Amino acid sequence: MKLVVANDYQEMSELAASLLLSYMLRPQRVNLAITAGSTPKRMYELLAPRVKGHAEFANAHYYNFDEIPYAGRSGYGVTMENLHRMFFGPAAIPERQLHVLNSDNYLQHDRRIAEDGGLDAIVMGVGADGHFCGNLPGTTAFEDRTCRVPVSARPDLADILLKEVGGRTEWLPDHYVTLGPASVMAAKKLVLLVNGSHKADILRRIVSGPVESGVPASILMLHPDLLIIADREAAALLP
C-alpha cells in the first residue's frame, strides 16, 4: 500500500487526474473502471478538456463498476448517467470505448473483462461506512464477484436507493449490480480517493485494520498494488 497525502481536495484531484492521464496515454489498450459520486468531480473537470478531441486517448476503455437501474425506465442507470454528465459527455468519449455493466449482463461481466485483458486500474471512493463500489456492509461477502444485490439485503437499502434515483418512488429498483470484492481485487491496480474530515475515521480503520466485513474497504489493504490519495482532512487520524 502507498499513501499520498495531498494538501487539499484540489491537489488530491490534480494528482488523481495526472495518474489517470498516465494510464490513458499508454500506447496499448488500457482498461479503467472509474467512479461516479462527489469525490471525483474536480478530477473529471480537470481531465475532460485535456482528453476531448485528442486521438491519443483512443486506447483508453472505460467500465462502470456498479449500476443502480431506474425501475420503469430504459437506458443508462444512475452510475452511467452520472459518469456521462461528469466525464464521458464533457470529454466526448466515443461509445465504442464504453463497456457498460447493467442488470442484463452482470453475469457475463467478469468474463468480458477477462477477455478484454483485465482491468488495469480501478479508481474509486470510499463511503463513511467503509463501502466501496456497491459493496455496502451487509450486502456482499469478500469472495463475491460481480453480483446482483437485492433491496432485501439490508432493511435500509430501499431508502438508500430511493435517494440515488432522485426520491421518485416510481423509479425505485428492487436491486442494483456491482463488482464484488473478489472482482475488484482482481484488478492490477487500485486507487482509492478519500477527502474530507467526515472520512477520517473510516480511513483510519481501513489502514489500521483489522480486515473485517463490517468495514468492506478494509479488504483493499490486502491488494498488492493499492494507492490511497487522501487530503489532509481525511488523513488527520492516521498515525
C-alpha atoms as a PDB file:
ATOM      1  CA  MET A   1       0.000   0.000   0.000  1.00  0.00           C
ATOM      2  CA  LYS A   2       1.174   3.504  -0.828  1.00  0.00           C
ATOM      3  CA  LEU A   3      -0.385   6.551   0.794  1.00  0.00           C
ATOM      4  CA  VAL A   4      -0.132  10.041  -0.691  1.00  0.00           C
ATOM      5  CA  VAL A   5      -1.469  12.895   1.408  1.00  0.00           C
ATOM      6  CA  ALA A   6      -2.433  15.974  -0.598  1.00  0.00           C
ATOM      7  CA  ASN A   7      -2.759  19.396   0.979  1.00  0.00           C
ATOM      8  CA  ASP A   8      -6.403  19.760  -0.038  1.00  0.00           C
ATOM      9  CA  TYR A   9      -9.162  18.493  -2.343  1.00  0.00           C
ATOM     10  CA  GLN A  10      -7.815  20.431  -5.316  1.00  0.00           C
ATOM     11  CA  GLU A  11      -4.362  18.903  -5.027  1.00  0.00           C
ATOM     12  CA  MET A  12      -5.837  15.439  -4.484  1.00  0.00           C
ATOM     13  CA  SER A  13      -7.868  15.870  -7.680  1.00  0.00           C
ATOM     14  CA  GLU A  14      -4.813  17.057  -9.620  1.00  0.00           C
ATOM     15  CA  LEU A  15      -2.804  14.042  -8.509  1.00  0.00           C
ATOM     16  CA  ALA A  16      -5.595  11.642  -9.435  1.00  0.00           C
ATOM     17  CA  ALA A  17      -6.091  13.312 -12.826  1.00  0.00           C
ATOM     18  CA  SER A  18      -2.360  13.069 -13.583  1.00  0.00           C
ATOM     19  CA  LEU A  19      -2.350   9.396 -12.668  1.00  0.00           C
ATOM     20  CA  LEU A  20      -5.305   8.648 -14.928  1.00  0.00           C
ATOM     21  CA  LEU A  21      -3.715  10.580 -17.786  1.00  0.00           C
ATOM     22  CA  SER A  22      -0.580   8.468 -17.466  1.00  0.00           C
ATOM     23  CA  TYR A  23      -2.698   5.340 -17.951  1.00  0.00           C
ATOM     24  CA  MET A  24      -4.729   6.847 -20.778  1.00  0.00           C
ATOM     25  CA  LEU A  25      -1.583   7.758 -22.714  1.00  0.00           C
ATOM     26  CA  ARG A  26      -0.314   4.186 -22.889  1.00  0.00           C
ATOM     27  CA  PRO A  27       0.252   3.041 -26.471  1.00  0.00           C
ATOM     28  CA  GLN A  28      -1.668  -0.201 -25.935  1.00  0.00           C
ATOM     29  CA  ARG A  29      -5.249  -0.758 -24.779  1.00  0.00           C
ATOM     30  CA  VAL A  30      -5.883   0.202 -21.162  1.00  0.00           C
ATOM     31  CA  ASN A  31      -8.993  -0.796 -19.208  1.00  0.00           C
ATOM     32  CA  LEU A  32     -10.142   1.572 -16.471  1.00  0.00           C
ATOM     33  CA  ALA A  33     -13.050   1.259 -14.050  1.00  0.00           C
ATOM     34  CA  ILE A  34     -13.871   4.709 -12.705  1.00  0.00           C
ATOM     35  CA  THR A  35     -16.144   6.109 -10.047  1.00  0.00           C
ATOM     36  CA  ALA A  36     -19.117   8.425 -10.058  1.00  0.00           C
ATOM     37  CA  GLY A  37     -20.193  10.288  -6.907  1.00  0.00           C
ATOM     38  CA  SER A  38     -18.961  13.584  -5.491  1.00  0.00           C
ATOM     39  CA  THR A  39     -15.325  12.718  -4.731  1.00  0.00           C
ATOM     40  CA  PRO A  40     -14.037  12.644  -8.354  1.00  0.00           C
ATOM     41  CA  LYS A  41     -15.980  15.733  -9.519  1.00  0.00           C
ATOM     42  CA  ARG A  42     -12.961  18.040  -9.691  1.00  0.00           C
ATOM     43  CA  MET A  43     -10.773  15.291 -11.154  1.00  0.00           C
ATOM     44  CA  TYR A  44     -13.156  14.972 -14.092  1.00  0.00           C
ATOM     45  CA  GLU A  45     -13.311  18.745 -14.528  1.00  0.00           C
ATOM     46  CA  LEU A  46      -9.543  18.723 -14.932  1.00  0.00           C
ATOM     47  CA  LEU A  47      -9.484  15.674 -17.204  1.00  0.00           C
ATOM     48  CA  ALA A  48     -12.277  16.472 -19.651  1.00  0.00           C
ATOM     49  CA  PRO A  49     -10.631  19.391 -21.525  1.00  0.00           C
ATOM     50  CA  ARG A  50      -7.326  17.507 -21.645  1.00  0.00           C
ATOM     51  CA  VAL A  51      -8.949  14.485 -23.246  1.00  0.00           C
ATOM     52  CA  LYS A  52     -11.623  15.943 -25.536  1.00  0.00           C
ATOM     53  CA  GLY A  53     -10.714  15.801 -29.208  1.00  0.00           C
ATOM     54  CA  HIS A  54      -7.347  14.103 -28.685  1.00  0.00           C
ATOM     55  CA  ALA A  55      -6.905  10.894 -30.661  1.00  0.00           C
ATOM     56  CA  GLU A  56      -4.006   9.740 -28.466  1.00  0.00           C
ATOM     57  CA  PHE A  57      -6.542   8.721 -25.796  1.00  0.00           C
ATOM     58  CA  ALA A  58      -8.386   6.316 -28.101  1.00  0.00           C
ATOM     59  CA  ASN A  59      -6.785   3.276 -26.412  1.00  0.00           C
ATOM     60  CA  ALA A  60      -8.491   4.025 -23.092  1.00  0.00           C
ATOM     61  CA  HIS A  61     -11.569   1.911 -22.396  1.00  0.00           C
ATOM     62  CA  TYR A  62     -13.921   2.587 -19.507  1.00  0.00           C
ATOM     63  CA  TYR A  63     -16.038   0.336 -17.290  1.00  0.00           C
ATOM     64  CA  ASN A  64     -18.564   1.279 -14.623  1.00  0.00           C
ATOM     65  CA  PHE A  65     -18.117  -0.894 -11.555  1.00  0.00           C
ATOM     66  CA  ASP A  66     -21.686  -0.674 -10.270  1.00  0.00           C
ATOM     67  CA  GLU A  67     -25.104   0.340 -11.512  1.00  0.00           C
ATOM     68  CA  ILE A  68     -28.451   1.266  -9.999  1.00  0.00           C
ATOM     69  CA  PRO A  69     -31.181   0.795 -12.616  1.00  0.00           C
ATOM     70  CA  TYR A  70     -34.217   3.036 -12.792  1.00  0.00           C
ATOM     71  CA  ALA A  71     -37.398   0.990 -12.449  1.00  0.00           C
ATOM     72  CA  GLY A  72     -39.682   1.535 -15.415  1.00  0.00           C
ATOM     73  CA  ARG A  73     -37.033   3.350 -17.453  1.00  0.00           C
ATOM     74  CA  SER A  74     -34.797   2.127 -20.226  1.00  0.00           C
ATOM     75  CA  GLY A  75     -31.298   3.368 -20.966  1.00  0.00           C
ATOM     76  CA  TYR A  76     -28.496   4.115 -18.550  1.00  0.00           C
ATOM     77  CA  GLY A  77     -28.853   3.731 -14.811  1.00  0.00           C
ATOM     78  CA  VAL A  78     -27.706   6.131 -12.098  1.00  0.00           C
ATOM     79  CA  THR A  79     -23.964   5.413 -12.311  1.00  0.00           C
ATOM     80  CA  MET A  80     -23.555   5.642 -16.080  1.00  0.00           C
ATOM     81  CA  GLU A  81     -25.845   8.656 -16.172  1.00  0.00           C
ATOM     82  CA  ASN A  82     -23.588  10.430 -13.666  1.00  0.00           C
ATOM     83  CA  LEU A  83     -20.400   9.363 -15.446  1.00  0.00           C
ATOM     84  CA  HIS A  84     -21.786  10.747 -18.703  1.00  0.00           C
ATOM     85  CA  ARG A  85     -22.683  14.014 -17.036  1.00  0.00           C
ATOM     86  CA  MET A  86     -19.336  14.445 -15.292  1.00  0.00           C
ATOM     87  CA  PHE A  87     -16.843  12.985 -17.754  1.00  0.00           C
ATOM     88  CA  PHE A  88     -17.898  10.942 -20.765  1.00  0.00           C
ATOM     89  CA  GLY A  89     -20.039  13.765 -22.159  1.00  0.00           C
ATOM     90  CA  PRO A  90     -17.700  16.739 -21.500  1.00  0.00           C
ATOM     91  CA  ALA A  91     -14.709  14.703 -22.733  1.00  0.00           C
ATOM     92  CA  ALA A  92     -16.644  13.430 -25.786  1.00  0.00           C
ATOM     93  CA  ILE A  93     -15.666   9.800 -25.140  1.00  0.00           C
ATOM     94  CA  PRO A  94     -16.870   7.626 -28.063  1.00  0.00           C
ATOM     95  CA  GLU A  95     -19.392   4.924 -27.227  1.00  0.00           C
ATOM     96  CA  ARG A  96     -17.024   2.248 -28.550  1.00  0.00           C
ATOM     97  CA  GLN A  97     -14.727   2.979 -25.576  1.00  0.00           C
ATOM     98  CA  LEU A  98     -17.506   2.458 -23.002  1.00  0.00           C
ATOM     99  CA  HIS A  99     -18.264  -1.014 -21.631  1.00  0.00           C
ATOM    100  CA  VAL A 100     -21.428  -0.894 -19.600  1.00  0.00           C
ATOM    101  CA  LEU A 101     -22.259  -3.082 -16.615  1.00  0.00           C
ATOM    102  CA  ASN A 102     -26.006  -3.411 -16.069  1.00  0.00           C
ATOM    103  CA  SER A 103     -28.686  -5.749 -14.770  1.00  0.00           C
ATOM    104  CA  ASP A 104     -28.833  -7.632 -18.059  1.00  0.00           C
ATOM    105  CA  ASN A 105     -25.149  -8.509 -18.431  1.00  0.00           C
ATOM    106  CA  TYR A 106     -23.727  -8.673 -14.906  1.00  0.00           C
ATOM    107  CA  LEU A 107     -23.358 -12.459 -15.003  1.00  0.00           C
ATOM    108  CA  GLN A 108     -21.061 -12.137 -18.023  1.00  0.00           C
ATOM    109  CA  HIS A 109     -19.189  -9.063 -16.794  1.00  0.00           C
ATOM    110  CA  ASP A 110     -16.200 -10.769 -15.174  1.00  0.00           C
ATOM    111  CA  ARG A 111     -15.689 -12.972 -18.214  1.00  0.00           C
ATOM    112  CA  ARG A 112     -15.927  -9.991 -20.542  1.00  0.00           C
ATOM    113  CA  ILE A 113     -13.332  -8.081 -18.518  1.00  0.00           C
ATOM    114  CA  ALA A 114     -11.011 -11.091 -18.570  1.00  0.00           C
ATOM    115  CA  GLU A 115     -11.405 -11.425 -22.337  1.00  0.00           C
ATOM    116  CA  ASP A 116     -10.570  -7.709 -22.677  1.00  0.00           C
ATOM    117  CA  GLY A 117      -7.307  -8.251 -20.792  1.00  0.00           C
ATOM    118  CA  GLY A 118      -8.433  -7.472 -17.245  1.00  0.00           C
ATOM    119  CA  LEU A 119      -8.788  -4.129 -15.506  1.00  0.00           C
ATOM    120  CA  ASP A 120      -5.541  -2.170 -15.432  1.00  0.00           C
ATOM    121  CA  ALA A 121      -6.830   0.126 -12.696  1.00  0.00           C
ATOM    122  CA  ILE A 122      -9.930   0.863 -10.658  1.00  0.00           C
ATOM    123  CA  VAL A 123     -10.358   4.403  -9.347  1.00  0.00           C
ATOM    124  CA  MET A 124     -12.914   4.535  -6.546  1.00  0.00           C
ATOM    125  CA  GLY A 125     -14.018   6.418  -3.494  1.00  0.00           C
ATOM    126  CA  VAL A 126     -14.985   5.118  -0.083  1.00  0.00           C
ATOM    127  CA  GLY A 127     -18.082   5.801   1.978  1.00  0.00           C
ATOM    128  CA  ALA A 128     -18.049   6.923   5.587  1.00  0.00           C
ATOM    129  CA  ASP A 129     -19.447   3.448   6.370  1.00  0.00           C
ATOM    130  CA  GLY A 130     -16.492   1.782   4.652  1.00  0.00           C
ATOM    131  CA  HIS A 131     -18.257   0.756   1.449  1.00  0.00           C
ATOM    132  CA  PHE A 132     -16.524   0.712  -1.921  1.00  0.00           C
ATOM    133  CA  CYS A 133     -18.234   0.276  -5.290  1.00  0.00           C
ATOM    134  CA  GLY A 134     -21.627  -1.213  -4.364  1.00  0.00           C
ATOM    135  CA  ASN A 135     -20.191  -3.269  -1.525  1.00  0.00           C
ATOM    136  CA  LEU A 136     -22.035  -1.854   1.465  1.00  0.00           C
ATOM    137  CA  PRO A 137     -21.726  -3.505   4.870  1.00  0.00           C
ATOM    138  CA  GLY A 138     -24.058  -6.474   4.990  1.00  0.00           C
ATOM    139  CA  THR A 139     -24.630  -6.732   1.226  1.00  0.00           C
ATOM    140  CA  THR A 140     -21.716  -8.728  -0.201  1.00  0.00           C
ATOM    141  CA  ALA A 141     -19.036 -11.137   1.002  1.00  0.00           C
ATOM    142  CA  PHE A 142     -15.310 -10.796   0.337  1.00  0.00           C
ATOM    143  CA  GLU A 143     -15.384 -13.789  -2.016  1.00  0.00           C
ATOM    144  CA  ASP A 144     -18.210 -12.390  -4.182  1.00  0.00           C
ATOM    145  CA  ARG A 145     -17.592 -11.473  -7.795  1.00  0.00           C
ATOM    146  CA  THR A 146     -19.845  -9.258  -9.907  1.00  0.00           C
ATOM    147  CA  CYS A 147     -23.293  -9.786  -8.459  1.00  0.00           C
ATOM    148  CA  ARG A 148     -26.873  -8.606  -8.069  1.00  0.00           C
ATOM    149  CA  VAL A 149     -27.732  -7.122  -4.665  1.00  0.00           C
ATOM    150  CA  PRO A 150     -31.467  -7.214  -3.804  1.00  0.00           C
ATOM    151  CA  VAL A 151     -33.124  -4.445  -1.833  1.00  0.00           C
ATOM    152  CA  SER A 152     -33.917  -7.058   0.805  1.00  0.00           C
ATOM    153  CA  ALA A 153     -30.177  -7.391   1.612  1.00  0.00           C
ATOM    154  CA  ARG A 154     -30.492  -4.593   4.193  1.00  0.00           C
ATOM    155  CA  PRO A 155     -33.519  -3.033   5.921  1.00  0.00           C
ATOM    156  CA  ASP A 156     -32.441   0.482   4.912  1.00  0.00           C
ATOM    157  CA  LEU A 157     -31.340  -0.303   1.364  1.00  0.00           C
ATOM    158  CA  ALA A 158     -34.599   0.850  -0.228  1.00  0.00           C
ATOM    159  CA  ASP A 159     -34.156   4.263   1.401  1.00  0.00           C
ATOM    160  CA  ILE A 160     -30.555   4.485   0.173  1.00  0.00           C
ATOM    161  CA  LEU A 161     -31.545   3.598  -3.399  1.00  0.00           C
ATOM    162  CA  LEU A 162     -34.513   5.974  -3.315  1.00  0.00           C
ATOM    163  CA  LYS A 163     -32.121   8.872  -2.746  1.00  0.00           C
ATOM    164  CA  GLU A 164     -29.978   7.689  -5.649  1.00  0.00           C
ATOM    165  CA  VAL A 165     -32.943   7.770  -8.060  1.00  0.00           C
ATOM    166  CA  GLY A 166     -33.892  11.295  -7.059  1.00  0.00           C
ATOM    167  CA  GLY A 167     -36.513  10.393  -4.467  1.00  0.00           C
ATOM    168  CA  ARG A 168     -39.023   9.209  -7.066  1.00  0.00           C
ATOM    169  CA  THR A 169     -40.697   6.039  -5.806  1.00  0.00           C
ATOM    170  CA  GLU A 170     -41.772   5.016  -9.318  1.00  0.00           C
ATOM    171  CA  TRP A 171     -38.079   4.715 -10.224  1.00  0.00           C
ATOM    172  CA  LEU A 172     -37.100   2.708  -7.127  1.00  0.00           C
ATOM    173  CA  PRO A 173     -35.498  -0.586  -8.278  1.00  0.00           C
ATOM    174  CA  ASP A 174     -35.591  -3.870  -6.399  1.00  0.00           C
ATOM    175  CA  HIS A 175     -31.821  -4.382  -6.815  1.00  0.00           C
ATOM    176  CA  TYR A 176     -28.519  -2.996  -8.042  1.00  0.00           C
ATOM    177  CA  VAL A 177     -25.433  -4.660  -9.517  1.00  0.00           C
ATOM    178  CA  THR A 178     -21.797  -4.266  -8.547  1.00  0.00           C
ATOM    179  CA  LEU A 179     -18.321  -5.672  -8.889  1.00  0.00           C
ATOM    180  CA  GLY A 180     -17.940  -7.753  -5.769  1.00  0.00           C
ATOM    181  CA  PRO A 181     -14.787  -7.581  -3.636  1.00  0.00           C
ATOM    182  CA  ALA A 182     -13.169 -10.537  -5.454  1.00  0.00           C
ATOM    183  CA  SER A 183     -13.687  -8.842  -8.826  1.00  0.00           C
ATOM    184  CA  VAL A 184     -12.207  -5.591  -7.535  1.00  0.00           C
ATOM    185  CA  MET A 185      -9.204  -7.366  -6.040  1.00  0.00           C
ATOM    186  CA  ALA A 186      -8.502  -8.964  -9.429  1.00  0.00           C
ATOM    187  CA  ALA A 187      -7.625  -5.574 -10.958  1.00  0.00           C
ATOM    188  CA  LYS A 188      -3.937  -4.831 -11.483  1.00  0.00           C
ATOM    189  CA  LYS A 189      -4.009  -1.536  -9.552  1.00  0.00           C
ATOM    190  CA  LEU A 190      -6.464   0.020  -7.092  1.00  0.00           C
ATOM    191  CA  VAL A 191      -6.668   3.758  -6.481  1.00  0.00           C
ATOM    192  CA  LEU A 192      -8.699   4.956  -3.503  1.00  0.00           C
ATOM    193  CA  LEU A 193      -9.620   8.647  -3.321  1.00  0.00           C
ATOM    194  CA  VAL A 194     -10.561   9.943   0.129  1.00  0.00           C
ATOM    195  CA  ASN A 195     -11.369  13.528   1.040  1.00  0.00           C
ATOM    196  CA  GLY A 196     -12.915  15.405   3.919  1.00  0.00           C
ATOM    197  CA  SER A 197     -12.864  15.194   7.697  1.00  0.00           C
ATOM    198  CA  HIS A 198     -16.013  13.015   7.662  1.00  0.00           C
ATOM    199  CA  LYS A 199     -13.899  10.249   6.077  1.00  0.00           C
ATOM    200  CA  ALA A 200     -11.033  10.482   8.592  1.00  0.00           C
ATOM    201  CA  ASP A 201     -12.265   7.779  10.963  1.00  0.00           C
ATOM    202  CA  ILE A 202     -13.084   5.258   8.268  1.00  0.00           C
ATOM    203  CA  LEU A 203      -9.710   5.822   6.556  1.00  0.00           C
ATOM    204  CA  ARG A 204      -8.007   5.193   9.898  1.00  0.00           C
ATOM    205  CA  ARG A 205      -9.963   1.952  10.297  1.00  0.00           C
ATOM    206  CA  ILE A 206      -9.149   0.843   6.753  1.00  0.00           C
ATOM    207  CA  VAL A 207      -5.436   1.483   7.098  1.00  0.00           C
ATOM    208  CA  SER A 208      -5.049   0.271  10.686  1.00  0.00           C
ATOM    209  CA  GLY A 209      -7.174  -2.840  10.293  1.00  0.00           C
ATOM    210  CA  PRO A 210      -8.262  -5.422  11.008  1.00  0.00           C
ATOM    211  CA  VAL A 211      -9.781  -6.730   7.783  1.00  0.00           C
ATOM    212  CA  GLU A 212     -13.442  -7.186   8.696  1.00  0.00           C
ATOM    213  CA  SER A 213     -16.740  -7.481   6.861  1.00  0.00           C
ATOM    214  CA  GLY A 214     -18.156  -4.550   8.825  1.00  0.00           C
ATOM    215  CA  VAL A 215     -15.633  -2.326   7.027  1.00  0.00           C
ATOM    216  CA  PRO A 216     -15.752  -3.692   3.470  1.00  0.00           C
ATOM    217  CA  ALA A 217     -12.917  -1.461   2.193  1.00  0.00           C
ATOM    218  CA  SER A 218     -10.540  -2.992   4.741  1.00  0.00           C
ATOM    219  CA  ILE A 219     -10.057  -5.873   2.268  1.00  0.00           C
ATOM    220  CA  LEU A 220      -8.346  -3.450  -0.119  1.00  0.00           C
ATOM    221  CA  MET A 221      -5.305  -3.372   2.177  1.00  0.00           C
ATOM    222  CA  LEU A 222      -4.505  -6.905   1.011  1.00  0.00           C
ATOM    223  CA  HIS A 223      -4.145  -5.836  -2.620  1.00  0.00           C
ATOM    224  CA  PRO A 224      -0.511  -5.897  -3.854  1.00  0.00           C
ATOM    225  CA  ASP A 225      -0.802  -2.512  -5.607  1.00  0.00           C
ATOM    226  CA  LEU A 226      -3.074  -0.163  -3.675  1.00  0.00           C
ATOM    227  CA  LEU A 227      -2.604   3.605  -3.860  1.00  0.00           C
ATOM    228  CA  ILE A 228      -4.555   5.831  -1.473  1.00  0.00           C
ATOM    229  CA  ILE A 229      -4.706   9.525  -2.331  1.00  0.00           C
ATOM    230  CA  ALA A 230      -6.196  11.479   0.557  1.00  0.00           C
ATOM    231  CA  ASP A 231      -6.374  15.121   1.501  1.00  0.00           C
ATOM    232  CA  ARG A 232      -5.079  16.286   4.880  1.00  0.00           C
ATOM    233  CA  GLU A 233      -8.526  16.366   6.431  1.00  0.00           C
ATOM    234  CA  ALA A 234      -9.177  12.729   5.577  1.00  0.00           C
ATOM    235  CA  ALA A 235      -5.703  11.715   6.750  1.00  0.00           C
ATOM    236  CA  ALA A 236      -5.927  13.608  10.049  1.00  0.00           C
ATOM    237  CA  LEU A 237      -6.381  10.500  12.234  1.00  0.00           C
ATOM    238  CA  LEU A 238      -3.683   8.359  10.630  1.00  0.00           C
ATOM    239  CA  PRO A 239      -0.541   7.613  12.646  1.00  0.00           C
END
